[in-house]
Amino acid sequence: MEVIYSGLRQTPEQIVAAAIQEDVDVVGLSILSGAHNVLFPEILKGLKERGGEDILVLAGGIIPEKDIPQLKALGIREIFLPGTSTQALVEFIRKEAGERVAEADPAGGRR
């Protein structure tokens, strides 16, 4: 996996622009501020508007259990709460992103 770290405190627009520019397969978002119900939908909307609706979007951080169903309904594929092992996250990405990459290019190359 190649990881592109965009840094802290990026706006939804900056996150979307980086994802599109870098032609990513996965966007991982981590939030501790409690603004997930505002920021995550903006990012998903921006990705869709810029042709990135096929990008796998994952979230982590301090997200109340009651908010998870709504975020998943909006398009967040999975939410990893505090205490999730790094191995669990890596396995999820390998499985989900690997399937998407294979579907996009059965020969095994990038999209």
PDB file of N, CA and C in Angstrom:
ATOM      1  N   MET A   1       0.839  -1.180   0.000  1.00  0.00           N
ATOM      2  CA  MET A   1       0.000   0.000   0.000  1.00  0.00           C
ATOM      3  C   MET A   1       0.879   1.237   0.000  1.00  0.00           C
ATOM      4  N   GLU A   2       0.451   2.205  -0.729  1.00  0.00           N
ATOM      5  CA  GLU A   2       1.079   3.517  -0.685  1.00  0.00           C
ATOM      6  C   GLU A   2       0.154   4.425   0.109  1.00  0.00           C
ATOM      7  N   VAL A   3       0.697   5.114   1.072  1.00  0.00           N
ATOM      8  CA  VAL A   3      -0.096   6.004   1.921  1.00  0.00           C
ATOM      9  C   VAL A   3       0.290   7.438   1.627  1.00  0.00           C
ATOM     10  N   ILE A   4      -0.708   8.262   1.438  1.00  0.00           N
ATOM     11  CA  ILE A   4      -0.500   9.689   1.225  1.00  0.00           C
ATOM     12  C   ILE A   4      -1.120  10.396   2.421  1.00  0.00           C
ATOM     13  N   TYR A   5      -0.290  10.971   3.243  1.00  0.00           N
ATOM     14  CA  TYR A   5      -0.762  11.667   4.439  1.00  0.00           C
ATOM     15  C   TYR A   5      -0.922  13.138   4.111  1.00  0.00           C
ATOM     16  N   SER A   6      -2.131  13.644   4.282  1.00  0.00           N
ATOM     17  CA  SER A   6      -2.388  15.039   3.913  1.00  0.00           C
ATOM     18  C   SER A   6      -2.240  16.003   5.082  1.00  0.00           C
ATOM     19  N   GLY A   7      -2.024  15.481   6.263  1.00  0.00           N
ATOM     20  CA  GLY A   7      -1.827  16.358   7.413  1.00  0.00           C
ATOM     21  C   GLY A   7      -3.105  16.613   8.191  1.00  0.00           C
ATOM     22  N   LEU A   8      -2.938  17.352   9.252  1.00  0.00           N
ATOM     23  CA  LEU A   8      -4.053  17.677  10.135  1.00  0.00           C
ATOM     24  C   LEU A   8      -4.858  18.868   9.615  1.00  0.00           C
ATOM     25  N   ARG A   9      -6.074  18.951  10.082  1.00  0.00           N
ATOM     26  CA  ARG A   9      -6.940  20.110   9.859  1.00  0.00           C
ATOM     27  C   ARG A   9      -7.121  20.470   8.391  1.00  0.00           C
ATOM     28  N   GLN A  10      -7.365  19.477   7.567  1.00  0.00           N
ATOM     29  CA  GLN A  10      -7.650  19.705   6.157  1.00  0.00           C
ATOM     30  C   GLN A  10      -9.142  19.971   5.988  1.00  0.00           C
ATOM     31  N   THR A  11      -9.486  20.854   5.096  1.00  0.00           N
ATOM     32  CA  THR A  11     -10.895  21.113   4.817  1.00  0.00           C
ATOM     33  C   THR A  11     -11.439  19.974   3.964  1.00  0.00           C
ATOM     34  N   PRO A  12     -12.761  19.813   3.938  1.00  0.00           N
ATOM     35  CA  PRO A  12     -13.331  18.799   3.038  1.00  0.00           C
ATOM     36  C   PRO A  12     -12.875  18.998   1.593  1.00  0.00           C
ATOM     37  N   GLU A  13     -12.795  20.235   1.154  1.00  0.00           N
ATOM     38  CA  GLU A  13     -12.374  20.518  -0.214  1.00  0.00           C
ATOM     39  C   GLU A  13     -10.935  20.068  -0.460  1.00  0.00           C
ATOM     40  N   GLN A  14     -10.067  20.283   0.515  1.00  0.00           N
ATOM     41  CA  GLN A  14      -8.675  19.857   0.371  1.00  0.00           C
ATOM     42  C   GLN A  14      -8.563  18.333   0.330  1.00  0.00           C
ATOM     43  N   ILE A  15      -9.350  17.666   1.142  1.00  0.00           N
ATOM     44  CA  ILE A  15      -9.332  16.203   1.173  1.00  0.00           C
ATOM     45  C   ILE A  15      -9.801  15.644  -0.163  1.00  0.00           C
ATOM     46  N   VAL A  16     -10.890  16.184  -0.672  1.00  0.00           N
ATOM     47  CA  VAL A  16     -11.433  15.729  -1.960  1.00  0.00           C
ATOM     48  C   VAL A  16     -10.431  15.989  -3.076  1.00  0.00           C
ATOM     49  N   ALA A  17      -9.862  17.180  -3.116  1.00  0.00           N
ATOM     50  CA  ALA A  17      -8.908  17.526  -4.171  1.00  0.00           C
ATOM     51  C   ALA A  17      -7.710  16.581  -4.148  1.00  0.00           C
ATOM     52  N   ALA A  18      -7.176  16.290  -2.973  1.00  0.00           N
ATOM     53  CA  ALA A  18      -6.027  15.386  -2.863  1.00  0.00           C
ATOM     54  C   ALA A  18      -6.399  13.982  -3.321  1.00  0.00           C
ATOM     55  N   ALA A  19      -7.569  13.505  -2.926  1.00  0.00           N
ATOM     56  CA  ALA A  19      -8.002  12.155  -3.302  1.00  0.00           C
ATOM     57  C   ALA A  19      -8.142  12.025  -4.818  1.00  0.00           C
ATOM     58  N   ILE A  20      -8.728  13.026  -5.445  1.00  0.00           N
ATOM     59  CA  ILE A  20      -8.917  12.995  -6.895  1.00  0.00           C
ATOM     60  C   ILE A  20      -7.567  13.127  -7.604  1.00  0.00           C
ATOM     61  N   GLN A  21      -6.751  14.076  -7.175  1.00  0.00           N
ATOM     62  CA  GLN A  21      -5.457  14.308  -7.800  1.00  0.00           C
ATOM     63  C   GLN A  21      -4.557  13.084  -7.717  1.00  0.00           C
ATOM     64  N   GLU A  22      -4.577  12.404  -6.590  1.00  0.00           N
ATOM     65  CA  GLU A  22      -3.699  11.251  -6.375  1.00  0.00           C
ATOM     66  C   GLU A  22      -4.307   9.941  -6.865  1.00  0.00           C
ATOM     67  N   ASP A  23      -5.552   9.972  -7.349  1.00  0.00           N
ATOM     68  CA  ASP A  23      -6.239   8.782  -7.868  1.00  0.00           C
ATOM     69  C   ASP A  23      -6.228   7.649  -6.836  1.00  0.00           C
ATOM     70  N   VAL A  24      -6.691   7.963  -5.636  1.00  0.00           N
ATOM     71  CA  VAL A  24      -6.648   6.995  -4.547  1.00  0.00           C
ATOM     72  C   VAL A  24      -7.764   5.960  -4.656  1.00  0.00           C
ATOM     73  N   ASP A  25      -7.558   4.858  -3.993  1.00  0.00           N
ATOM     74  CA  ASP A  25      -8.577   3.817  -3.885  1.00  0.00           C
ATOM     75  C   ASP A  25      -9.345   3.942  -2.579  1.00  0.00           C
ATOM     76  N   VAL A  26      -8.684   4.516  -1.559  1.00  0.00           N
ATOM     77  CA  VAL A  26      -9.267   4.605  -0.219  1.00  0.00           C
ATOM     78  C   VAL A  26      -8.966   5.980   0.375  1.00  0.00           C
ATOM     79  N   VAL A  27      -9.954   6.540   1.064  1.00  0.00           N
ATOM     80  CA  VAL A  27      -9.742   7.731   1.889  1.00  0.00           C
ATOM     81  C   VAL A  27     -10.064   7.328   3.316  1.00  0.00           C
ATOM     82  N   GLY A  28      -9.099   7.546   4.191  1.00  0.00           N
ATOM     83  CA  GLY A  28      -9.302   7.273   5.612  1.00  0.00           C
ATOM     84  C   GLY A  28      -9.385   8.585   6.362  1.00  0.00           C
ATOM     85  N   LEU A  29     -10.459   8.761   7.094  1.00  0.00           N
ATOM     86  CA  LEU A  29     -10.701   9.991   7.839  1.00  0.00           C
ATOM     87  C   LEU A  29     -10.702   9.697   9.326  1.00  0.00           C
ATOM     88  N   SER A  30     -10.033  10.530  10.075  1.00  0.00           N
ATOM     89  CA  SER A  30     -10.034  10.387  11.520  1.00  0.00           C
ATOM     90  C   SER A  30     -10.475  11.710  12.120  1.00  0.00           C
ATOM     91  N   ILE A  31     -11.389  11.628  13.060  1.00  0.00           N
ATOM     92  CA  ILE A  31     -11.910  12.860  13.636  1.00  0.00           C
ATOM     93  C   ILE A  31     -12.111  12.695  15.137  1.00  0.00           C
ATOM     94  N   LEU A  32     -11.723  13.711  15.862  1.00  0.00           N
ATOM     95  CA  LEU A  32     -11.873  13.715  17.308  1.00  0.00           C
ATOM     96  C   LEU A  32     -12.709  14.902  17.779  1.00  0.00           C
ATOM     97  N   SER A  33     -13.063  15.785  16.855  1.00  0.00           N
ATOM     98  CA  SER A  33     -13.715  17.040  17.223  1.00  0.00           C
ATOM     99  C   SER A  33     -15.217  16.952  17.418  1.00  0.00           C
ATOM    100  N   GLY A  34     -15.822  15.871  16.964  1.00  0.00           N
ATOM    101  CA  GLY A  34     -17.277  15.767  17.042  1.00  0.00           C
ATOM    102  C   GLY A  34     -17.990  16.343  15.835  1.00  0.00           C
ATOM    103  N   ALA A  35     -17.253  16.787  14.829  1.00  0.00           N
ATOM    104  CA  ALA A  35     -17.857  17.397  13.643  1.00  0.00           C
ATOM    105  C   ALA A  35     -18.102  16.394  12.519  1.00  0.00           C
ATOM    106  N   HIS A  36     -18.084  15.111  12.831  1.00  0.00           N
ATOM    107  CA  HIS A  36     -18.224  14.076  11.806  1.00  0.00           C
ATOM    108  C   HIS A  36     -19.534  14.170  11.024  1.00  0.00           C
ATOM    109  N   ASN A  37     -20.626  14.575  11.676  1.00  0.00           N
ATOM    110  CA  ASN A  37     -21.916  14.662  10.985  1.00  0.00           C
ATOM    111  C   ASN A  37     -21.981  15.829  10.008  1.00  0.00           C
ATOM    112  N   VAL A  38     -21.050  16.750  10.097  1.00  0.00           N
ATOM    113  CA  VAL A  38     -20.975  17.874   9.165  1.00  0.00           C
ATOM    114  C   VAL A  38     -19.904  17.621   8.111  1.00  0.00           C
ATOM    115  N   LEU A  39     -18.715  17.238   8.552  1.00  0.00           N
ATOM    116  CA  LEU A  39     -17.577  17.117   7.640  1.00  0.00           C
ATOM    117  C   LEU A  39     -17.643  15.893   6.734  1.00  0.00           C
ATOM    118  N   PHE A  40     -18.009  14.738   7.272  1.00  0.00           N
ATOM    119  CA  PHE A  40     -18.029  13.524   6.450  1.00  0.00           C
ATOM    120  C   PHE A  40     -19.012  13.641   5.282  1.00  0.00           C
ATOM    121  N   PRO A  41     -20.239  14.129   5.492  1.00  0.00           N
ATOM    122  CA  PRO A  41     -21.144  14.287   4.343  1.00  0.00           C
ATOM    123  C   PRO A  41     -20.598  15.251   3.283  1.00  0.00           C
ATOM    124  N   GLU A  42     -19.915  16.308   3.712  1.00  0.00           N
ATOM    125  CA  GLU A  42     -19.327  17.244   2.754  1.00  0.00           C
ATOM    126  C   GLU A  42     -18.261  16.561   1.911  1.00  0.00           C
ATOM    127  N   ILE A  43     -17.453  15.724   2.531  1.00  0.00           N
ATOM    128  CA  ILE A  43     -16.408  15.005   1.805  1.00  0.00           C
ATOM    129  C   ILE A  43     -17.024  14.025   0.816  1.00  0.00           C
ATOM    130  N   LEU A  44     -18.016  13.278   1.255  1.00  0.00           N
ATOM    131  CA  LEU A  44     -18.682  12.324   0.362  1.00  0.00           C
ATOM    132  C   LEU A  44     -19.331  13.038  -0.821  1.00  0.00           C
ATOM    133  N   LYS A  45     -19.971  14.159  -0.560  1.00  0.00           N
ATOM    134  CA  LYS A  45     -20.601  14.937  -1.628  1.00  0.00           C
ATOM    135  C   LYS A  45     -19.550  15.442  -2.614  1.00  0.00           C
ATOM    136  N   GLY A  46     -18.445  15.957  -2.083  1.00  0.00           N
ATOM    137  CA  GLY A  46     -17.378  16.447  -2.941  1.00  0.00           C
ATOM    138  C   GLY A  46     -16.766  15.360  -3.809  1.00  0.00           C
ATOM    139  N   LEU A  47     -16.569  14.184  -3.233  1.00  0.00           N
ATOM    140  CA  LEU A  47     -16.039  13.069  -4.017  1.00  0.00           C
ATOM    141  C   LEU A  47     -16.983  12.708  -5.152  1.00  0.00           C
ATOM    142  N   LYS A  48     -18.260  12.659  -4.847  1.00  0.00           N
ATOM    143  CA  LYS A  48     -19.248  12.315  -5.876  1.00  0.00           C
ATOM    144  C   LYS A  48     -19.256  13.366  -6.983  1.00  0.00           C
ATOM    145  N   GLU A  49     -19.217  14.623  -6.609  1.00  0.00           N
ATOM    146  CA  GLU A  49     -19.232  15.710  -7.595  1.00  0.00           C
ATOM    147  C   GLU A  49     -17.999  15.709  -8.486  1.00  0.00           C
ATOM    148  N   ARG A  50     -16.882  15.190  -7.979  1.00  0.00           N
ATOM    149  CA  ARG A  50     -15.626  15.203  -8.732  1.00  0.00           C
ATOM    150  C   ARG A  50     -15.309  13.845  -9.366  1.00  0.00           C
ATOM    151  N   GLY A  51     -16.296  12.942  -9.386  1.00  0.00           N
ATOM    152  CA  GLY A  51     -16.097  11.650 -10.035  1.00  0.00           C
ATOM    153  C   GLY A  51     -15.429  10.605  -9.168  1.00  0.00           C
ATOM    154  N   GLY A  52     -15.383  10.824  -7.865  1.00  0.00           N
ATOM    155  CA  GLY A  52     -14.734   9.885  -6.969  1.00  0.00           C
ATOM    156  C   GLY A  52     -15.689   9.044  -6.158  1.00  0.00           C
ATOM    157  N   GLU A  53     -16.878   8.801  -6.696  1.00  0.00           N
ATOM    158  CA  GLU A  53     -17.862   8.023  -5.931  1.00  0.00           C
ATOM    159  C   GLU A  53     -17.453   6.573  -5.728  1.00  0.00           C
ATOM    160  N   ASP A  54     -16.468   6.101  -6.496  1.00  0.00           N
ATOM    161  CA  ASP A  54     -15.991   4.726  -6.329  1.00  0.00           C
ATOM    162  C   ASP A  54     -14.889   4.605  -5.278  1.00  0.00           C
ATOM    163  N   ILE A  55     -14.474   5.710  -4.698  1.00  0.00           N
ATOM    164  CA  ILE A  55     -13.425   5.683  -3.682  1.00  0.00           C
ATOM    165  C   ILE A  55     -14.006   5.155  -2.370  1.00  0.00           C
ATOM    166  N   LEU A  56     -13.333   4.200  -1.797  1.00  0.00           N
ATOM    167  CA  LEU A  56     -13.719   3.620  -0.519  1.00  0.00           C
ATOM    168  C   LEU A  56     -13.405   4.628   0.586  1.00  0.00           C
ATOM    169  N   VAL A  57     -14.421   5.022   1.366  1.00  0.00           N
ATOM    170  CA  VAL A  57     -14.224   6.008   2.424  1.00  0.00           C
ATOM    171  C   VAL A  57     -14.420   5.333   3.778  1.00  0.00           C
ATOM    172  N   LEU A  58     -13.381   5.432   4.611  1.00  0.00           N
ATOM    173  CA  LEU A  58     -13.382   4.849   5.947  1.00  0.00           C
ATOM    174  C   LEU A  58     -13.257   5.970   6.963  1.00  0.00           C
ATOM    175  N   ALA A  59     -13.774   5.736   8.147  1.00  0.00           N
ATOM    176  CA  ALA A  59     -13.702   6.745   9.199  1.00  0.00           C
ATOM    177  C   ALA A  59     -13.260   6.112  10.503  1.00  0.00           C
ATOM    178  N   GLY A  60     -12.672   6.939  11.326  1.00  0.00           N
ATOM    179  CA  GLY A  60     -12.271   6.506  12.645  1.00  0.00           C
ATOM    180  C   GLY A  60     -12.269   7.686  13.586  1.00  0.00           C
ATOM    181  N   GLY A  61     -12.088   7.381  14.841  1.00  0.00           N
ATOM    182  CA  GLY A  61     -12.048   8.442  15.833  1.00  0.00           C
ATOM    183  C   GLY A  61     -13.144   8.272  16.858  1.00  0.00           C
ATOM    184  N   ILE A  62     -13.479   9.367  17.474  1.00  0.00           N
ATOM    185  CA  ILE A  62     -14.507   9.338  18.506  1.00  0.00           C
ATOM    186  C   ILE A  62     -15.842   9.669  17.851  1.00  0.00           C
ATOM    187  N   ILE A  63     -16.563   8.620  17.518  1.00  0.00           N
ATOM    188  CA  ILE A  63     -17.847   8.746  16.843  1.00  0.00           C
ATOM    189  C   ILE A  63     -18.876   7.983  17.665  1.00  0.00           C
ATOM    190  N   PRO A  64     -19.892   8.665  18.155  1.00  0.00           N
ATOM    191  CA  PRO A  64     -20.901   7.978  18.963  1.00  0.00           C
ATOM    192  C   PRO A  64     -21.594   6.856  18.186  1.00  0.00           C
ATOM    193  N   GLU A  65     -21.840   5.768  18.866  1.00  0.00           N
ATOM    194  CA  GLU A  65     -22.507   4.604  18.239  1.00  0.00           C
ATOM    195  C   GLU A  65     -23.798   5.009  17.542  1.00  0.00           C
ATOM    196  N   LYS A  66     -24.532   5.955  18.117  1.00  0.00           N
ATOM    197  CA  LYS A  66     -25.827   6.362  17.547  1.00  0.00           C
ATOM    198  C   LYS A  66     -25.680   7.044  16.184  1.00  0.00           C
ATOM    199  N   ASP A  67     -24.496   7.561  15.872  1.00  0.00           N
ATOM    200  CA  ASP A  67     -24.268   8.239  14.596  1.00  0.00           C
ATOM    201  C   ASP A  67     -23.803   7.304  13.492  1.00  0.00           C
ATOM    202  N   ILE A  68     -23.379   6.124  13.844  1.00  0.00           N
ATOM    203  CA  ILE A  68     -22.788   5.206  12.867  1.00  0.00           C
ATOM    204  C   ILE A  68     -23.774   4.801  11.763  1.00  0.00           C
ATOM    205  N   PRO A  69     -25.004   4.394  12.064  1.00  0.00           N
ATOM    206  CA  PRO A  69     -25.898   4.000  10.969  1.00  0.00           C
ATOM    207  C   PRO A  69     -26.124   5.117   9.945  1.00  0.00           C
ATOM    208  N   GLN A  70     -26.279   6.335  10.395  1.00  0.00           N
ATOM    209  CA  GLN A  70     -26.498   7.454   9.475  1.00  0.00           C
ATOM    210  C   GLN A  70     -25.270   7.686   8.595  1.00  0.00           C
ATOM    211  N   LEU A  71     -24.088   7.620   9.180  1.00  0.00           N
ATOM    212  CA  LEU A  71     -22.866   7.828   8.405  1.00  0.00           C
ATOM    213  C   LEU A  71     -22.667   6.718   7.372  1.00  0.00           C
ATOM    214  N   LYS A  72     -22.972   5.491   7.754  1.00  0.00           N
ATOM    215  CA  LYS A  72     -22.854   4.386   6.796  1.00  0.00           C
ATOM    216  C   LYS A  72     -23.882   4.534   5.675  1.00  0.00           C
ATOM    217  N   ALA A  73     -25.081   4.996   6.011  1.00  0.00           N
ATOM    218  CA  ALA A  73     -26.112   5.204   4.989  1.00  0.00           C
ATOM    219  C   ALA A  73     -25.689   6.280   3.991  1.00  0.00           C
ATOM    220  N   LEU A  74     -24.893   7.234   4.439  1.00  0.00           N
ATOM    221  CA  LEU A  74     -24.395   8.288   3.553  1.00  0.00           C
ATOM    222  C   LEU A  74     -23.283   7.810   2.628  1.00  0.00           C
ATOM    223  N   GLY A  75     -22.619   6.725   3.017  1.00  0.00           N
ATOM    224  CA  GLY A  75     -21.574   6.191   2.161  1.00  0.00           C
ATOM    225  C   GLY A  75     -20.254   5.891   2.833  1.00  0.00           C
ATOM    226  N   ILE A  76     -20.132   6.158   4.132  1.00  0.00           N
ATOM    227  CA  ILE A  76     -18.924   5.751   4.841  1.00  0.00           C
ATOM    228  C   ILE A  76     -18.953   4.227   4.898  1.00  0.00           C
ATOM    229  N   ARG A  77     -17.964   3.565   4.323  1.00  0.00           N
ATOM    230  CA  ARG A  77     -18.009   2.100   4.199  1.00  0.00           C
ATOM    231  C   ARG A  77     -17.847   1.398   5.542  1.00  0.00           C
ATOM    232  N   GLU A  78     -16.941   1.919   6.386  1.00  0.00           N
ATOM    233  CA  GLU A  78     -16.751   1.318   7.702  1.00  0.00           C
ATOM    234  C   GLU A  78     -16.236   2.376   8.658  1.00  0.00           C
ATOM    235  N   ILE A  79     -16.538   2.171   9.923  1.00  0.00           N
ATOM    236  CA  ILE A  79     -16.112   3.088  10.974  1.00  0.00           C
ATOM    237  C   ILE A  79     -15.347   2.294  12.015  1.00  0.00           C
ATOM    238  N   PHE A  80     -14.142   2.760  12.300  1.00  0.00           N
ATOM    239  CA  PHE A  80     -13.257   2.099  13.240  1.00  0.00           C
ATOM    240  C   PHE A  80     -13.151   2.964  14.492  1.00  0.00           C
ATOM    241  N   LEU A  81     -13.623   2.437  15.588  1.00  0.00           N
ATOM    242  CA  LEU A  81     -13.654   3.180  16.842  1.00  0.00           C
ATOM    243  C   LEU A  81     -12.356   2.994  17.628  1.00  0.00           C
ATOM    244  N   PRO A  82     -12.133   3.828  18.649  1.00  0.00           N
ATOM    245  CA  PRO A  82     -10.924   3.668  19.462  1.00  0.00           C
ATOM    246  C   PRO A  82     -10.793   2.232  19.961  1.00  0.00           C
ATOM    247  N   GLY A  83      -9.569   1.743  19.927  1.00  0.00           N
ATOM    248  CA  GLY A  83      -9.307   0.374  20.356  1.00  0.00           C
ATOM    249  C   GLY A  83      -9.214  -0.612  19.208  1.00  0.00           C
ATOM    250  N   THR A  84      -9.617  -0.201  18.002  1.00  0.00           N
ATOM    251  CA  THR A  84      -9.496  -1.071  16.838  1.00  0.00           C
ATOM    252  C   THR A  84      -8.014  -1.308  16.567  1.00  0.00           C
ATOM    253  N   SER A  85      -7.654  -2.544  16.330  1.00  0.00           N
ATOM    254  CA  SER A  85      -6.246  -2.843  16.058  1.00  0.00           C
ATOM    255  C   SER A  85      -5.873  -2.378  14.653  1.00  0.00           C
ATOM    256  N   THR A  86      -4.614  -2.037  14.512  1.00  0.00           N
ATOM    257  CA  THR A  86      -4.104  -1.659  13.198  1.00  0.00           C
ATOM    258  C   THR A  86      -4.274  -2.821  12.233  1.00  0.00           C
ATOM    259  N   GLN A  87      -4.068  -4.039  12.713  1.00  0.00           N
ATOM    260  CA  GLN A  87      -4.195  -5.213  11.864  1.00  0.00           C
ATOM    261  C   GLN A  87      -5.615  -5.350  11.305  1.00  0.00           C
ATOM    262  N   ALA A  88      -6.612  -5.080  12.127  1.00  0.00           N
ATOM    263  CA  ALA A  88      -8.000  -5.155  11.663  1.00  0.00           C
ATOM    264  C   ALA A  88      -8.251  -4.145  10.549  1.00  0.00           C
ATOM    265  N   LEU A  89      -7.713  -2.967  10.700  1.00  0.00           N
ATOM    266  CA  LEU A  89      -7.867  -1.931   9.680  1.00  0.00           C
ATOM    267  C   LEU A  89      -7.157  -2.327   8.391  1.00  0.00           C
ATOM    268  N   VAL A  90      -5.937  -2.811   8.498  1.00  0.00           N
ATOM    269  CA  VAL A  90      -5.176  -3.227   7.319  1.00  0.00           C
ATOM    270  C   VAL A  90      -5.891  -4.361   6.598  1.00  0.00           C
ATOM    271  N   GLU A  91      -6.374  -5.335   7.326  1.00  0.00           N
ATOM    272  CA  GLU A  91      -7.083  -6.461   6.708  1.00  0.00           C
ATOM    273  C   GLU A  91      -8.339  -5.986   5.983  1.00  0.00           C
ATOM    274  N   PHE A  92      -9.072  -5.068   6.594  1.00  0.00           N
ATOM    275  CA  PHE A  92     -10.283  -4.548   5.963  1.00  0.00           C
ATOM    276  C   PHE A  92      -9.929  -3.842   4.653  1.00  0.00           C
ATOM    277  N   ILE A  93      -8.920  -2.990   4.688  1.00  0.00           N
ATOM    278  CA  ILE A  93      -8.532  -2.252   3.484  1.00  0.00           C
ATOM    279  C   ILE A  93      -8.053  -3.205   2.403  1.00  0.00           C
ATOM    280  N   ARG A  94      -7.231  -4.170   2.760  1.00  0.00           N
ATOM    281  CA  ARG A  94      -6.740  -5.134   1.757  1.00  0.00           C
ATOM    282  C   ARG A  94      -7.900  -5.875   1.099  1.00  0.00           C
ATOM    283  N   LYS A  95      -8.848  -6.294   1.900  1.00  0.00           N
ATOM    284  CA  LYS A  95      -9.995  -7.028   1.351  1.00  0.00           C
ATOM    285  C   LYS A  95     -10.858  -6.130   0.477  1.00  0.00           C
ATOM    286  N   GLU A  96     -11.284  -5.008   1.015  1.00  0.00           N
ATOM    287  CA  GLU A  96     -12.220  -4.142   0.304  1.00  0.00           C
ATOM    288  C   GLU A  96     -11.578  -3.416  -0.878  1.00  0.00           C
ATOM    289  N   ALA A  97     -10.418  -2.833  -0.661  1.00  0.00           N
ATOM    290  CA  ALA A  97      -9.765  -2.107  -1.749  1.00  0.00           C
ATOM    291  C   ALA A  97      -9.230  -3.080  -2.790  1.00  0.00           C
ATOM    292  N   GLY A  98      -8.751  -4.222  -2.355  1.00  0.00           N
ATOM    293  CA  GLY A  98      -8.263  -5.219  -3.297  1.00  0.00           C
ATOM    294  C   GLY A  98      -9.344  -5.674  -4.250  1.00  0.00           C
ATOM    295  N   GLU A  99     -10.549  -5.881  -3.728  1.00  0.00           N
ATOM    296  CA  GLU A  99     -11.675  -6.273  -4.578  1.00  0.00           C
ATOM    297  C   GLU A  99     -12.016  -5.166  -5.565  1.00  0.00           C
ATOM    298  N   ARG A 100     -12.007  -3.932  -5.120  1.00  0.00           N
ATOM    299  CA  ARG A 100     -12.335  -2.803  -5.999  1.00  0.00           C
ATOM    300  C   ARG A 100     -11.302  -2.630  -7.099  1.00  0.00           C
ATOM    301  N   VAL A 101     -10.028  -2.751  -6.748  1.00  0.00           N
ATOM    302  CA  VAL A 101      -8.973  -2.607  -7.746  1.00  0.00           C
ATOM    303  C   VAL A 101      -9.066  -3.727  -8.764  1.00  0.00           C
ATOM    304  N   ALA A 102      -9.317  -4.953  -8.309  1.00  0.00           N
ATOM    305  CA  ALA A 102      -9.432  -6.095  -9.221  1.00  0.00           C
ATOM    306  C   ALA A 102     -10.626  -5.923 -10.156  1.00  0.00           C
ATOM    307  N   GLU A 103     -11.741  -5.395  -9.640  1.00  0.00           N
ATOM    308  CA  GLU A 103     -12.911  -5.170 -10.491  1.00  0.00           C
ATOM    309  C   GLU A 103     -12.637  -4.090 -11.522  1.00  0.00           C
ATOM    310  N   ALA A 104     -11.910  -3.035 -11.132  1.00  0.00           N
ATOM    311  CA  ALA A 104     -11.619  -1.923 -12.038  1.00  0.00           C
ATOM    312  C   ALA A 104     -10.633  -2.337 -13.117  1.00  0.00           C
ATOM    313  N   ASP A 105      -9.705  -3.209 -12.785  1.00  0.00           N
ATOM    314  CA  ASP A 105      -8.679  -3.645 -13.718  1.00  0.00           C
ATOM    315  C   ASP A 105      -8.330  -5.106 -13.447  1.00  0.00           C
ATOM    316  N   PRO A 106      -9.061  -6.036 -14.060  1.00  0.00           N
ATOM    317  CA  PRO A 106      -8.818  -7.459 -13.801  1.00  0.00           C
ATOM    318  C   PRO A 106      -7.396  -7.909 -14.083  1.00  0.00           C
ATOM    319  N   ALA A 107      -6.633  -7.157 -14.865  1.00  0.00           N
ATOM    320  CA  ALA A 107      -5.239  -7.517 -15.159  1.00  0.00           C
ATOM    321  C   ALA A 107      -4.328  -7.223 -13.973  1.00  0.00           C
ATOM    322  N   GLY A 108      -4.855  -6.537 -12.970  1.00  0.00           N
ATOM    323  CA  GLY A 108      -4.085  -6.289 -11.764  1.00  0.00           C
ATOM    324  C   GLY A 108      -3.407  -4.946 -11.686  1.00  0.00           C
ATOM    325  N   GLY A 109      -3.528  -4.126 -12.715  1.00  0.00           N
ATOM    326  CA  GLY A 109      -2.914  -2.795 -12.685  1.00  0.00           C
ATOM    327  C   GLY A 109      -3.829  -1.781 -12.002  1.00  0.00           C
ATOM    328  N   ARG A 110      -3.342  -0.570 -11.894  1.00  0.00           N
ATOM    329  CA  ARG A 110      -4.160   0.491 -11.314  1.00  0.00           C
ATOM    330  C   ARG A 110      -5.188   0.945 -12.324  1.00  0.00           C
ATOM    331  N   ARG A 111      -6.227   1.584 -11.799  1.00  0.00           N
ATOM    332  CA  ARG A 111      -7.271   2.103 -12.679  1.00  0.00           C
ATOM    333  C   ARG A 111      -6.702   3.050 -13.680  1.00  0.00           C
TER     334      ARG A 111
END
